[in-house]
Amino acid sequence: MTPVDPSLEVETLLHSEGARYVIGCDEVGRGAIAGPVAVGLCVVDASVGPMPVGLRDSKLLSEKRREELAPLAARWGRHTAVGLASALEVDTIGIMAALGLAGKRALGELHEAGAVIRDSVILLDGSFDWLSPALQSPLPLRTRIKADRDCASVAAASVVAKVHRDRLMIDAHETHPRYGWVSNKGYGSTGHFAAIAEFGATDFHRHTWLHAEL
């Protein structure tokens, strides 16, 4: 089946209900055993132009196509940002709190860039709101299952976050080449687990997750 392109239908509805800005939000790296979790944000308003041709959920794109689309998505959105929470933070506070922390950091980056956060509605991929508990003053937020597939702002956020995190893992591979991060990006491939069994884990690994897997 050919993937369906996302649209701005949901964002347009939110604008019609009074939202000046919609902030598409998606996470990357939740299921990895090494590296940070990343949260991407993309701000759109009612006057945003047509989305980049070929934009889709990052999971539906090749690595090459994601690399091509990430700068286009960043220029298309009024603002984009990526927040991170480290492997140590995932181990210390748990994955859901780490997602919230990464999202809070991404919102801080948007604020520093001049985005008007208070006039925004966050459109969050999935059915569970992990972001609001991390915020001192929660913002209007809508969850939507498959928003990364259906909503252009969330698809853009997913691509920007995925490329950002992948580049971090590729850079980390240079220091720790035994674990294959240039290809597995920190996820639990057979070769990745075999390298951990042979050489042990690094500070870049989520140690609490390894205890459950090994």
N, C-alpha and C. Protein backbone atom coordinates (compact mmCIF):
# COMPACT_ATOMS: atom_id res chain seq x y z
N MET A 1 0.84 -1.19 0.00
CA MET A 1 0.00 0.00 0.00
C MET A 1 0.88 1.25 0.00
N THR A 2 0.57 2.21 -0.89
CA THR A 2 1.33 3.44 -0.96
C THR A 2 0.99 4.33 0.24
N PRO A 3 2.01 4.83 0.97
CA PRO A 3 1.71 5.69 2.13
C PRO A 3 0.95 6.94 1.73
N VAL A 4 0.03 7.35 2.57
CA VAL A 4 -0.75 8.55 2.31
C VAL A 4 0.00 9.76 2.86
N ASP A 5 0.08 10.81 2.07
CA ASP A 5 0.75 12.02 2.54
C ASP A 5 -0.02 12.63 3.70
N PRO A 6 0.68 13.20 4.68
CA PRO A 6 -0.01 13.96 5.73
C PRO A 6 -0.61 15.23 5.16
N SER A 7 -1.45 15.87 5.94
CA SER A 7 -2.08 17.11 5.52
C SER A 7 -2.10 18.08 6.69
N LEU A 8 -2.65 19.27 6.42
CA LEU A 8 -2.82 20.28 7.46
C LEU A 8 -4.27 20.36 7.93
N GLU A 9 -5.03 19.31 7.71
CA GLU A 9 -6.45 19.33 8.05
C GLU A 9 -6.68 19.52 9.55
N VAL A 10 -5.95 18.79 10.37
CA VAL A 10 -6.13 18.91 11.82
C VAL A 10 -5.63 20.27 12.30
N GLU A 11 -4.48 20.69 11.79
CA GLU A 11 -3.95 21.99 12.18
C GLU A 11 -4.93 23.12 11.81
N THR A 12 -5.52 23.03 10.61
CA THR A 12 -6.48 24.04 10.17
C THR A 12 -7.70 24.08 11.09
N LEU A 13 -8.16 22.91 11.53
CA LEU A 13 -9.27 22.85 12.47
C LEU A 13 -8.91 23.53 13.79
N LEU A 14 -7.70 23.27 14.29
CA LEU A 14 -7.27 23.89 15.53
C LEU A 14 -7.16 25.41 15.39
N HIS A 15 -6.67 25.86 14.24
CA HIS A 15 -6.63 27.31 13.99
C HIS A 15 -8.05 27.90 13.99
N SER A 16 -8.99 27.19 13.38
CA SER A 16 -10.37 27.69 13.31
C SER A 16 -11.01 27.74 14.69
N GLU A 17 -10.49 26.93 15.62
CA GLU A 17 -11.01 26.92 17.00
C GLU A 17 -10.34 27.98 17.88
N GLY A 18 -9.41 28.74 17.29
CA GLY A 18 -8.83 29.85 18.03
C GLY A 18 -7.34 29.78 18.29
N ALA A 19 -6.68 28.68 17.92
CA ALA A 19 -5.24 28.57 18.15
C ALA A 19 -4.49 29.43 17.13
N ARG A 20 -3.66 30.33 17.63
CA ARG A 20 -2.84 31.14 16.72
C ARG A 20 -1.74 30.30 16.09
N TYR A 21 -1.16 29.42 16.89
CA TYR A 21 -0.11 28.52 16.41
C TYR A 21 -0.44 27.09 16.83
N VAL A 22 -0.02 26.15 16.01
CA VAL A 22 -0.05 24.73 16.36
C VAL A 22 1.38 24.23 16.39
N ILE A 23 1.74 23.54 17.46
CA ILE A 23 3.09 22.99 17.60
C ILE A 23 3.00 21.47 17.46
N GLY A 24 3.40 20.96 16.30
CA GLY A 24 3.47 19.52 16.11
C GLY A 24 4.59 18.94 16.95
N CYS A 25 4.33 17.80 17.61
CA CYS A 25 5.29 17.23 18.56
C CYS A 25 5.39 15.73 18.37
N ASP A 26 6.62 15.24 18.26
CA ASP A 26 6.84 13.80 18.14
C ASP A 26 8.16 13.45 18.80
N GLU A 27 8.26 12.20 19.30
CA GLU A 27 9.48 11.73 19.95
C GLU A 27 10.19 10.73 19.06
N VAL A 28 11.51 10.63 19.28
CA VAL A 28 12.36 9.68 18.55
C VAL A 28 13.31 9.05 19.55
N GLY A 29 13.50 7.75 19.43
CA GLY A 29 14.48 7.07 20.27
C GLY A 29 13.93 6.48 21.54
N ARG A 30 12.61 6.44 21.67
CA ARG A 30 12.03 5.90 22.90
C ARG A 30 12.45 4.44 23.13
N GLY A 31 12.51 3.65 22.08
CA GLY A 31 12.80 2.23 22.24
C GLY A 31 14.25 1.85 22.11
N ALA A 32 15.15 2.82 21.98
CA ALA A 32 16.58 2.51 21.83
C ALA A 32 17.16 2.04 23.16
N ILE A 33 18.29 1.33 23.08
CA ILE A 33 18.99 0.91 24.30
C ILE A 33 20.24 1.74 24.53
N ALA A 34 20.54 2.64 23.60
CA ALA A 34 21.68 3.55 23.75
C ALA A 34 21.32 4.90 23.17
N GLY A 35 21.92 5.93 23.74
CA GLY A 35 21.71 7.27 23.24
C GLY A 35 20.52 7.97 23.86
N PRO A 36 20.35 9.25 23.52
CA PRO A 36 19.29 10.04 24.13
C PRO A 36 17.93 9.74 23.51
N VAL A 37 16.90 10.18 24.18
CA VAL A 37 15.58 10.30 23.57
C VAL A 37 15.45 11.73 23.10
N ALA A 38 14.81 11.92 21.94
CA ALA A 38 14.69 13.24 21.35
C ALA A 38 13.23 13.58 21.12
N VAL A 39 12.88 14.84 21.33
CA VAL A 39 11.53 15.33 21.06
C VAL A 39 11.64 16.48 20.06
N GLY A 40 10.95 16.34 18.94
CA GLY A 40 10.95 17.38 17.93
C GLY A 40 9.67 18.19 17.97
N LEU A 41 9.78 19.48 17.68
CA LEU A 41 8.64 20.38 17.63
C LEU A 41 8.68 21.17 16.32
N CYS A 42 7.52 21.41 15.75
CA CYS A 42 7.41 22.24 14.55
C CYS A 42 6.20 23.14 14.69
N VAL A 43 6.42 24.44 14.60
CA VAL A 43 5.36 25.44 14.79
C VAL A 43 4.81 25.86 13.43
N VAL A 44 3.47 25.83 13.30
CA VAL A 44 2.84 26.33 12.08
C VAL A 44 1.72 27.28 12.48
N ASP A 45 1.43 28.23 11.59
CA ASP A 45 0.27 29.11 11.78
C ASP A 45 -0.64 28.97 10.57
N ALA A 46 -1.73 29.73 10.56
CA ALA A 46 -2.73 29.58 9.51
C ALA A 46 -2.22 29.98 8.14
N SER A 47 -1.14 30.74 8.10
CA SER A 47 -0.61 31.21 6.81
C SER A 47 0.55 30.37 6.30
N VAL A 48 0.84 29.25 6.97
CA VAL A 48 1.96 28.43 6.53
C VAL A 48 1.70 27.94 5.11
N GLY A 49 2.76 27.87 4.33
CA GLY A 49 2.63 27.45 2.95
C GLY A 49 2.50 25.94 2.80
N PRO A 50 2.45 25.46 1.55
CA PRO A 50 2.36 24.02 1.32
C PRO A 50 3.55 23.29 1.95
N MET A 51 3.28 22.13 2.51
CA MET A 51 4.35 21.35 3.15
C MET A 51 5.34 20.87 2.10
N PRO A 52 6.57 20.57 2.50
CA PRO A 52 7.56 20.06 1.56
C PRO A 52 7.06 18.80 0.85
N VAL A 53 7.32 18.72 -0.43
CA VAL A 53 6.89 17.56 -1.22
C VAL A 53 7.56 16.30 -0.68
N GLY A 54 6.75 15.27 -0.44
CA GLY A 54 7.30 14.01 0.04
C GLY A 54 7.40 13.89 1.54
N LEU A 55 7.00 14.93 2.27
CA LEU A 55 7.07 14.88 3.74
C LEU A 55 6.16 13.78 4.27
N ARG A 56 6.71 12.95 5.14
CA ARG A 56 5.95 11.89 5.79
C ARG A 56 6.55 11.64 7.16
N ASP A 57 5.87 10.82 7.94
CA ASP A 57 6.43 10.32 9.19
C ASP A 57 7.83 9.78 8.91
N SER A 58 8.78 10.11 9.79
CA SER A 58 10.17 9.73 9.56
C SER A 58 10.35 8.23 9.40
N LYS A 59 9.50 7.43 10.03
CA LYS A 59 9.63 5.96 9.95
C LYS A 59 9.31 5.44 8.56
N LEU A 60 8.61 6.24 7.75
CA LEU A 60 8.22 5.82 6.41
C LEU A 60 9.19 6.29 5.34
N LEU A 61 10.29 6.93 5.76
CA LEU A 61 11.26 7.49 4.82
C LEU A 61 12.61 6.81 4.96
N SER A 62 13.34 6.73 3.86
CA SER A 62 14.71 6.24 3.92
C SER A 62 15.59 7.26 4.63
N GLU A 63 16.76 6.82 5.09
CA GLU A 63 17.68 7.74 5.75
C GLU A 63 18.08 8.88 4.81
N LYS A 64 18.34 8.54 3.56
CA LYS A 64 18.71 9.57 2.58
C LYS A 64 17.60 10.59 2.40
N ARG A 65 16.37 10.12 2.29
CA ARG A 65 15.25 11.04 2.08
C ARG A 65 15.01 11.90 3.32
N ARG A 66 15.17 11.32 4.51
CA ARG A 66 15.04 12.13 5.73
C ARG A 66 16.06 13.25 5.75
N GLU A 67 17.29 12.94 5.38
CA GLU A 67 18.35 13.96 5.36
C GLU A 67 18.01 15.08 4.38
N GLU A 68 17.38 14.72 3.27
CA GLU A 68 16.99 15.74 2.29
C GLU A 68 15.84 16.60 2.79
N LEU A 69 14.91 15.96 3.50
CA LEU A 69 13.70 16.67 3.92
C LEU A 69 13.89 17.50 5.19
N ALA A 70 14.82 17.11 6.06
CA ALA A 70 14.95 17.80 7.35
C ALA A 70 15.16 19.31 7.20
N PRO A 71 16.09 19.76 6.35
CA PRO A 71 16.24 21.22 6.24
C PRO A 71 15.04 21.89 5.59
N LEU A 72 14.34 21.18 4.70
CA LEU A 72 13.14 21.74 4.08
C LEU A 72 12.03 21.88 5.13
N ALA A 73 11.90 20.87 5.99
CA ALA A 73 10.90 20.93 7.05
C ALA A 73 11.21 22.04 8.03
N ALA A 74 12.49 22.22 8.35
CA ALA A 74 12.90 23.26 9.29
C ALA A 74 12.60 24.65 8.74
N ARG A 75 12.77 24.83 7.43
CA ARG A 75 12.48 26.13 6.82
C ARG A 75 10.98 26.35 6.64
N TRP A 76 10.25 25.26 6.45
CA TRP A 76 8.80 25.36 6.25
C TRP A 76 8.09 25.80 7.52
N GLY A 77 8.41 25.22 8.64
CA GLY A 77 7.80 25.59 9.91
C GLY A 77 8.22 26.99 10.33
N ARG A 78 7.35 27.67 11.08
CA ARG A 78 7.72 29.00 11.59
C ARG A 78 8.93 28.88 12.52
N HIS A 79 8.96 27.83 13.31
CA HIS A 79 10.11 27.49 14.15
C HIS A 79 10.14 25.98 14.28
N THR A 80 11.33 25.41 14.41
CA THR A 80 11.47 24.01 14.80
C THR A 80 12.50 23.92 15.91
N ALA A 81 12.41 22.85 16.69
CA ALA A 81 13.36 22.65 17.79
C ALA A 81 13.42 21.17 18.11
N VAL A 82 14.56 20.76 18.69
CA VAL A 82 14.73 19.39 19.17
C VAL A 82 15.29 19.46 20.58
N GLY A 83 14.64 18.78 21.51
CA GLY A 83 15.13 18.66 22.88
C GLY A 83 15.57 17.23 23.14
N LEU A 84 16.55 17.07 24.01
CA LEU A 84 17.12 15.75 24.31
C LEU A 84 17.08 15.47 25.80
N ALA A 85 16.97 14.20 26.13
CA ALA A 85 17.24 13.71 27.48
C ALA A 85 18.20 12.54 27.33
N SER A 86 19.26 12.55 28.12
CA SER A 86 20.35 11.60 27.96
C SER A 86 19.98 10.20 28.42
N ALA A 87 20.83 9.24 28.06
CA ALA A 87 20.65 7.86 28.53
C ALA A 87 20.66 7.81 30.05
N LEU A 88 21.55 8.58 30.69
CA LEU A 88 21.60 8.62 32.15
C LEU A 88 20.29 9.14 32.72
N GLU A 89 19.73 10.17 32.09
CA GLU A 89 18.45 10.70 32.58
C GLU A 89 17.33 9.69 32.39
N VAL A 90 17.35 8.94 31.29
CA VAL A 90 16.36 7.88 31.11
C VAL A 90 16.49 6.86 32.24
N ASP A 91 17.72 6.48 32.55
CA ASP A 91 17.94 5.52 33.64
C ASP A 91 17.49 6.07 34.99
N THR A 92 17.69 7.36 35.20
CA THR A 92 17.45 7.96 36.52
C THR A 92 15.98 8.24 36.78
N ILE A 93 15.28 8.78 35.79
CA ILE A 93 13.90 9.22 36.02
C ILE A 93 12.86 8.41 35.26
N GLY A 94 13.29 7.52 34.37
CA GLY A 94 12.36 6.72 33.59
C GLY A 94 12.05 7.36 32.25
N ILE A 95 11.58 6.54 31.32
CA ILE A 95 11.43 7.00 29.95
C ILE A 95 10.35 8.07 29.80
N MET A 96 9.22 7.94 30.49
CA MET A 96 8.16 8.92 30.31
C MET A 96 8.56 10.29 30.84
N ALA A 97 9.18 10.31 32.01
CA ALA A 97 9.65 11.59 32.55
C ALA A 97 10.76 12.16 31.68
N ALA A 98 11.59 11.29 31.10
CA ALA A 98 12.66 11.77 30.22
C ALA A 98 12.08 12.37 28.94
N LEU A 99 11.02 11.77 28.41
CA LEU A 99 10.35 12.37 27.26
C LEU A 99 9.84 13.76 27.61
N GLY A 100 9.20 13.88 28.78
CA GLY A 100 8.71 15.19 29.21
C GLY A 100 9.83 16.20 29.35
N LEU A 101 10.97 15.76 29.91
CA LEU A 101 12.11 16.66 30.08
C LEU A 101 12.64 17.12 28.73
N ALA A 102 12.76 16.18 27.78
CA ALA A 102 13.22 16.55 26.44
C ALA A 102 12.25 17.51 25.77
N GLY A 103 10.94 17.26 25.93
CA GLY A 103 9.95 18.17 25.36
C GLY A 103 10.00 19.55 25.98
N LYS A 104 10.20 19.60 27.29
CA LYS A 104 10.33 20.90 27.98
C LYS A 104 11.54 21.66 27.45
N ARG A 105 12.64 20.96 27.23
CA ARG A 105 13.83 21.62 26.68
C ARG A 105 13.59 22.12 25.26
N ALA A 106 12.86 21.34 24.47
CA ALA A 106 12.55 21.80 23.11
C ALA A 106 11.66 23.04 23.14
N LEU A 107 10.68 23.07 24.04
CA LEU A 107 9.84 24.27 24.17
C LEU A 107 10.67 25.47 24.60
N GLY A 108 11.64 25.26 25.49
CA GLY A 108 12.53 26.35 25.89
C GLY A 108 13.32 26.88 24.71
N GLU A 109 13.74 25.97 23.84
CA GLU A 109 14.47 26.39 22.63
C GLU A 109 13.56 27.20 21.72
N LEU A 110 12.31 26.78 21.58
CA LEU A 110 11.37 27.56 20.77
C LEU A 110 11.17 28.96 21.35
N HIS A 111 11.03 29.02 22.67
CA HIS A 111 10.85 30.33 23.33
C HIS A 111 12.04 31.24 23.07
N GLU A 112 13.24 30.68 23.18
CA GLU A 112 14.44 31.49 22.94
C GLU A 112 14.50 31.98 21.50
N ALA A 113 13.91 31.20 20.57
CA ALA A 113 13.91 31.58 19.16
C ALA A 113 12.81 32.59 18.82
N GLY A 114 11.95 32.89 19.80
CA GLY A 114 10.92 33.89 19.59
C GLY A 114 9.53 33.35 19.33
N ALA A 115 9.33 32.05 19.45
CA ALA A 115 8.00 31.48 19.26
C ALA A 115 7.08 31.92 20.40
N VAL A 116 5.82 32.18 20.07
CA VAL A 116 4.86 32.62 21.07
C VAL A 116 4.16 31.37 21.61
N ILE A 117 4.75 30.77 22.61
CA ILE A 117 4.29 29.49 23.12
C ILE A 117 2.88 29.61 23.71
N ARG A 118 2.60 30.72 24.39
CA ARG A 118 1.32 30.86 25.09
C ARG A 118 0.12 30.95 24.15
N ASP A 119 0.36 31.26 22.88
CA ASP A 119 -0.73 31.35 21.91
C ASP A 119 -0.82 30.08 21.07
N SER A 120 -0.29 28.97 21.59
CA SER A 120 -0.17 27.75 20.81
C SER A 120 -0.97 26.60 21.40
N VAL A 121 -1.33 25.67 20.55
CA VAL A 121 -1.84 24.37 20.95
C VAL A 121 -0.83 23.32 20.50
N ILE A 122 -0.47 22.42 21.39
CA ILE A 122 0.46 21.34 21.04
C ILE A 122 -0.33 20.17 20.50
N LEU A 123 0.11 19.65 19.36
CA LEU A 123 -0.50 18.48 18.75
C LEU A 123 0.50 17.33 18.91
N LEU A 124 0.19 16.42 19.83
CA LEU A 124 1.13 15.39 20.27
C LEU A 124 0.77 14.04 19.68
N ASP A 125 1.75 13.41 19.04
CA ASP A 125 1.52 12.07 18.49
C ASP A 125 1.29 11.06 19.61
N GLY A 126 0.29 10.19 19.42
CA GLY A 126 0.01 9.14 20.39
C GLY A 126 -1.23 9.41 21.20
N SER A 127 -1.48 8.55 22.18
CA SER A 127 -2.68 8.66 23.00
C SER A 127 -2.40 9.09 24.43
N PHE A 128 -1.12 9.18 24.80
CA PHE A 128 -0.76 9.50 26.19
C PHE A 128 0.01 10.81 26.25
N ASP A 129 -0.43 11.69 27.13
CA ASP A 129 0.23 13.00 27.30
C ASP A 129 1.36 12.88 28.32
N TRP A 130 2.59 12.69 27.82
CA TRP A 130 3.77 12.62 28.68
C TRP A 130 4.41 13.99 28.86
N LEU A 131 3.93 14.99 28.13
CA LEU A 131 4.57 16.30 28.16
C LEU A 131 4.06 17.20 29.28
N SER A 132 2.75 17.26 29.47
CA SER A 132 2.18 18.21 30.43
C SER A 132 2.74 18.06 31.84
N PRO A 133 2.96 16.83 32.37
CA PRO A 133 3.49 16.72 33.73
C PRO A 133 4.86 17.35 33.91
N ALA A 134 5.60 17.55 32.82
CA ALA A 134 6.94 18.14 32.91
C ALA A 134 6.92 19.66 32.91
N LEU A 135 5.77 20.26 32.62
CA LEU A 135 5.68 21.71 32.47
C LEU A 135 5.14 22.35 33.73
N GLN A 136 5.75 23.45 34.13
CA GLN A 136 5.28 24.17 35.31
C GLN A 136 3.89 24.73 35.08
N SER A 137 3.66 25.21 33.87
CA SER A 137 2.34 25.71 33.48
C SER A 137 1.93 25.00 32.21
N PRO A 138 1.17 23.92 32.31
CA PRO A 138 0.79 23.15 31.12
C PRO A 138 0.10 24.00 30.06
N LEU A 139 0.31 23.64 28.82
CA LEU A 139 -0.24 24.34 27.67
C LEU A 139 -1.41 23.54 27.10
N PRO A 140 -2.30 24.20 26.34
CA PRO A 140 -3.34 23.44 25.64
C PRO A 140 -2.69 22.36 24.77
N LEU A 141 -3.21 21.16 24.85
CA LEU A 141 -2.57 20.03 24.16
C LEU A 141 -3.63 19.05 23.69
N ARG A 142 -3.44 18.55 22.50
CA ARG A 142 -4.29 17.49 21.94
C ARG A 142 -3.41 16.28 21.60
N THR A 143 -3.82 15.13 22.03
CA THR A 143 -3.16 13.90 21.59
C THR A 143 -3.92 13.35 20.39
N ARG A 144 -3.17 12.69 19.50
CA ARG A 144 -3.80 12.08 18.33
C ARG A 144 -2.98 10.87 17.90
N ILE A 145 -3.62 9.72 17.88
CA ILE A 145 -2.95 8.52 17.41
C ILE A 145 -2.65 8.66 15.92
N LYS A 146 -1.44 8.29 15.54
CA LYS A 146 -0.95 8.38 14.16
C LYS A 146 -0.86 9.83 13.66
N ALA A 147 -0.70 10.78 14.57
CA ALA A 147 -0.53 12.17 14.13
C ALA A 147 0.74 12.32 13.29
N ASP A 148 1.78 11.51 13.57
CA ASP A 148 3.00 11.60 12.78
C ASP A 148 2.76 11.17 11.34
N ARG A 149 1.76 10.35 11.12
CA ARG A 149 1.41 9.91 9.76
C ARG A 149 0.47 10.88 9.08
N ASP A 150 -0.49 11.46 9.84
CA ASP A 150 -1.60 12.21 9.26
C ASP A 150 -1.43 13.72 9.27
N CYS A 151 -0.63 14.27 10.19
CA CYS A 151 -0.56 15.71 10.41
C CYS A 151 0.81 16.24 9.99
N ALA A 152 0.80 17.22 9.10
CA ALA A 152 2.05 17.69 8.51
C ALA A 152 3.00 18.27 9.55
N SER A 153 2.48 19.00 10.53
CA SER A 153 3.38 19.61 11.52
C SER A 153 4.07 18.54 12.36
N VAL A 154 3.36 17.46 12.66
CA VAL A 154 3.94 16.38 13.46
C VAL A 154 4.92 15.57 12.62
N ALA A 155 4.59 15.33 11.36
CA ALA A 155 5.52 14.65 10.46
C ALA A 155 6.82 15.43 10.34
N ALA A 156 6.72 16.76 10.21
CA ALA A 156 7.92 17.60 10.13
C ALA A 156 8.73 17.50 11.41
N ALA A 157 8.05 17.53 12.56
CA ALA A 157 8.75 17.39 13.83
C ALA A 157 9.47 16.06 13.92
N SER A 158 8.83 14.99 13.43
CA SER A 158 9.44 13.66 13.51
C SER A 158 10.69 13.58 12.64
N VAL A 159 10.65 14.18 11.47
CA VAL A 159 11.81 14.14 10.57
C VAL A 159 12.97 14.95 11.15
N VAL A 160 12.68 16.14 11.64
CA VAL A 160 13.73 16.98 12.21
C VAL A 160 14.37 16.30 13.42
N ALA A 161 13.55 15.70 14.27
CA ALA A 161 14.09 15.02 15.47
C ALA A 161 14.88 13.78 15.10
N LYS A 162 14.37 13.00 14.15
CA LYS A 162 15.04 11.77 13.75
C LYS A 162 16.43 12.06 13.17
N VAL A 163 16.51 13.03 12.28
CA VAL A 163 17.80 13.36 11.67
C VAL A 163 18.77 13.90 12.72
N HIS A 164 18.28 14.74 13.62
CA HIS A 164 19.12 15.28 14.69
C HIS A 164 19.70 14.16 15.55
N ARG A 165 18.83 13.24 15.98
CA ARG A 165 19.29 12.15 16.85
C ARG A 165 20.21 11.19 16.09
N ASP A 166 19.86 10.86 14.85
CA ASP A 166 20.70 9.96 14.07
C ASP A 166 22.12 10.51 13.92
N ARG A 167 22.23 11.80 13.70
CA ARG A 167 23.56 12.39 13.55
C ARG A 167 24.36 12.29 14.85
N LEU A 168 23.67 12.44 15.98
CA LEU A 168 24.36 12.26 17.26
C LEU A 168 24.88 10.83 17.41
N MET A 169 24.09 9.86 17.00
CA MET A 169 24.51 8.47 17.12
C MET A 169 25.65 8.15 16.15
N ILE A 170 25.61 8.74 14.97
CA ILE A 170 26.71 8.54 14.00
C ILE A 170 28.00 9.14 14.55
N ASP A 171 27.90 10.32 15.17
CA ASP A 171 29.09 10.92 15.79
C ASP A 171 29.61 10.05 16.93
N ALA A 172 28.69 9.50 17.74
CA ALA A 172 29.11 8.66 18.86
C ALA A 172 29.75 7.36 18.38
N HIS A 173 29.37 6.90 17.19
CA HIS A 173 29.96 5.70 16.61
C HIS A 173 31.47 5.86 16.42
N GLU A 174 31.90 7.07 16.14
CA GLU A 174 33.34 7.30 15.93
C GLU A 174 34.13 6.99 17.19
N THR A 175 33.53 7.22 18.35
CA THR A 175 34.20 6.93 19.63
C THR A 175 34.01 5.47 20.04
N HIS A 176 32.88 4.89 19.69
CA HIS A 176 32.55 3.51 20.11
C HIS A 176 32.12 2.69 18.89
N PRO A 177 33.02 2.41 17.96
CA PRO A 177 32.63 1.76 16.70
C PRO A 177 32.18 0.31 16.86
N ARG A 178 32.48 -0.32 17.98
CA ARG A 178 32.14 -1.75 18.14
C ARG A 178 30.64 -2.00 18.17
N TYR A 179 29.84 -0.99 18.49
CA TYR A 179 28.42 -1.20 18.73
C TYR A 179 27.54 -0.95 17.51
N GLY A 180 28.14 -0.50 16.42
CA GLY A 180 27.39 -0.35 15.17
C GLY A 180 26.36 0.76 15.16
N TRP A 181 26.60 1.80 15.93
CA TRP A 181 25.59 2.87 16.02
C TRP A 181 25.40 3.60 14.71
N VAL A 182 26.37 3.56 13.82
CA VAL A 182 26.20 4.22 12.54
C VAL A 182 25.06 3.61 11.75
N SER A 183 24.77 2.33 12.01
CA SER A 183 23.67 1.66 11.30
C SER A 183 22.45 1.44 12.19
N ASN A 184 22.67 1.01 13.45
CA ASN A 184 21.50 0.69 14.30
C ASN A 184 20.97 1.89 15.08
N LYS A 185 21.71 2.99 15.12
CA LYS A 185 21.31 4.24 15.77
C LYS A 185 20.96 4.05 17.25
N GLY A 186 21.55 3.02 17.87
CA GLY A 186 21.32 2.80 19.29
C GLY A 186 20.20 1.83 19.61
N TYR A 187 19.53 1.32 18.59
CA TYR A 187 18.47 0.34 18.83
C TYR A 187 19.07 -1.05 19.02
N GLY A 188 18.25 -1.96 19.53
CA GLY A 188 18.76 -3.25 19.98
C GLY A 188 18.87 -4.30 18.89
N SER A 189 19.75 -4.11 17.94
CA SER A 189 20.00 -5.11 16.90
C SER A 189 20.77 -6.29 17.49
N THR A 190 20.78 -7.39 16.75
CA THR A 190 21.54 -8.57 17.19
C THR A 190 23.01 -8.24 17.38
N GLY A 191 23.59 -7.51 16.42
CA GLY A 191 25.00 -7.14 16.52
C GLY A 191 25.28 -6.22 17.69
N HIS A 192 24.34 -5.33 17.98
CA HIS A 192 24.50 -4.41 19.11
C HIS A 192 24.54 -5.18 20.42
N PHE A 193 23.59 -6.11 20.61
CA PHE A 193 23.58 -6.91 21.83
C PHE A 193 24.82 -7.79 21.94
N ALA A 194 25.27 -8.31 20.81
CA ALA A 194 26.47 -9.15 20.82
C ALA A 194 27.70 -8.35 21.25
N ALA A 195 27.79 -7.09 20.80
CA ALA A 195 28.92 -6.24 21.18
C ALA A 195 28.87 -5.90 22.66
N ILE A 196 27.68 -5.68 23.19
CA ILE A 196 27.55 -5.41 24.63
C ILE A 196 27.99 -6.64 25.43
N ALA A 197 27.57 -7.81 24.97
CA ALA A 197 27.95 -9.04 25.67
C ALA A 197 29.46 -9.25 25.66
N GLU A 198 30.12 -8.85 24.58
CA GLU A 198 31.56 -9.07 24.46
C GLU A 198 32.38 -7.97 25.12
N PHE A 199 31.95 -6.72 24.95
CA PHE A 199 32.79 -5.59 25.39
C PHE A 199 32.21 -4.83 26.58
N GLY A 200 30.98 -5.14 26.97
CA GLY A 200 30.35 -4.41 28.05
C GLY A 200 29.64 -3.16 27.53
N ALA A 201 28.91 -2.50 28.41
CA ALA A 201 28.15 -1.31 28.06
C ALA A 201 28.98 -0.05 28.29
N THR A 202 28.59 1.02 27.62
CA THR A 202 29.25 2.31 27.75
C THR A 202 28.36 3.26 28.56
N ASP A 203 28.88 4.44 28.83
CA ASP A 203 28.08 5.46 29.49
C ASP A 203 26.93 5.96 28.60
N PHE A 204 27.00 5.63 27.32
CA PHE A 204 25.99 6.07 26.37
C PHE A 204 24.81 5.10 26.34
N HIS A 205 24.95 3.95 27.02
CA HIS A 205 23.87 2.97 27.07
C HIS A 205 22.89 3.26 28.20
N ARG A 206 21.66 2.80 28.01
CA ARG A 206 20.64 2.86 29.06
C ARG A 206 20.76 1.57 29.88
N HIS A 207 21.44 1.66 30.98
CA HIS A 207 21.81 0.46 31.73
C HIS A 207 20.59 -0.25 32.33
N THR A 208 19.60 0.49 32.76
CA THR A 208 18.41 -0.15 33.32
C THR A 208 17.68 -0.95 32.25
N TRP A 209 17.75 -0.50 31.00
CA TRP A 209 17.11 -1.23 29.92
C TRP A 209 17.89 -2.50 29.58
N LEU A 210 19.21 -2.43 29.69
CA LEU A 210 20.03 -3.60 29.39
C LEU A 210 19.78 -4.71 30.40
N HIS A 211 19.58 -4.37 31.65
CA HIS A 211 19.32 -5.37 32.67
C HIS A 211 18.05 -6.16 32.37
N ALA A 212 17.10 -5.48 31.73
CA ALA A 212 15.85 -6.16 31.39
C ALA A 212 16.00 -7.00 30.12
N GLU A 213 16.93 -6.61 29.25
CA GLU A 213 17.05 -7.28 27.95
C GLU A 213 18.05 -8.43 27.96
N LEU A 214 19.13 -8.28 28.74
CA LEU A 214 20.21 -9.26 28.66
C LEU A 214 19.97 -10.43 29.60
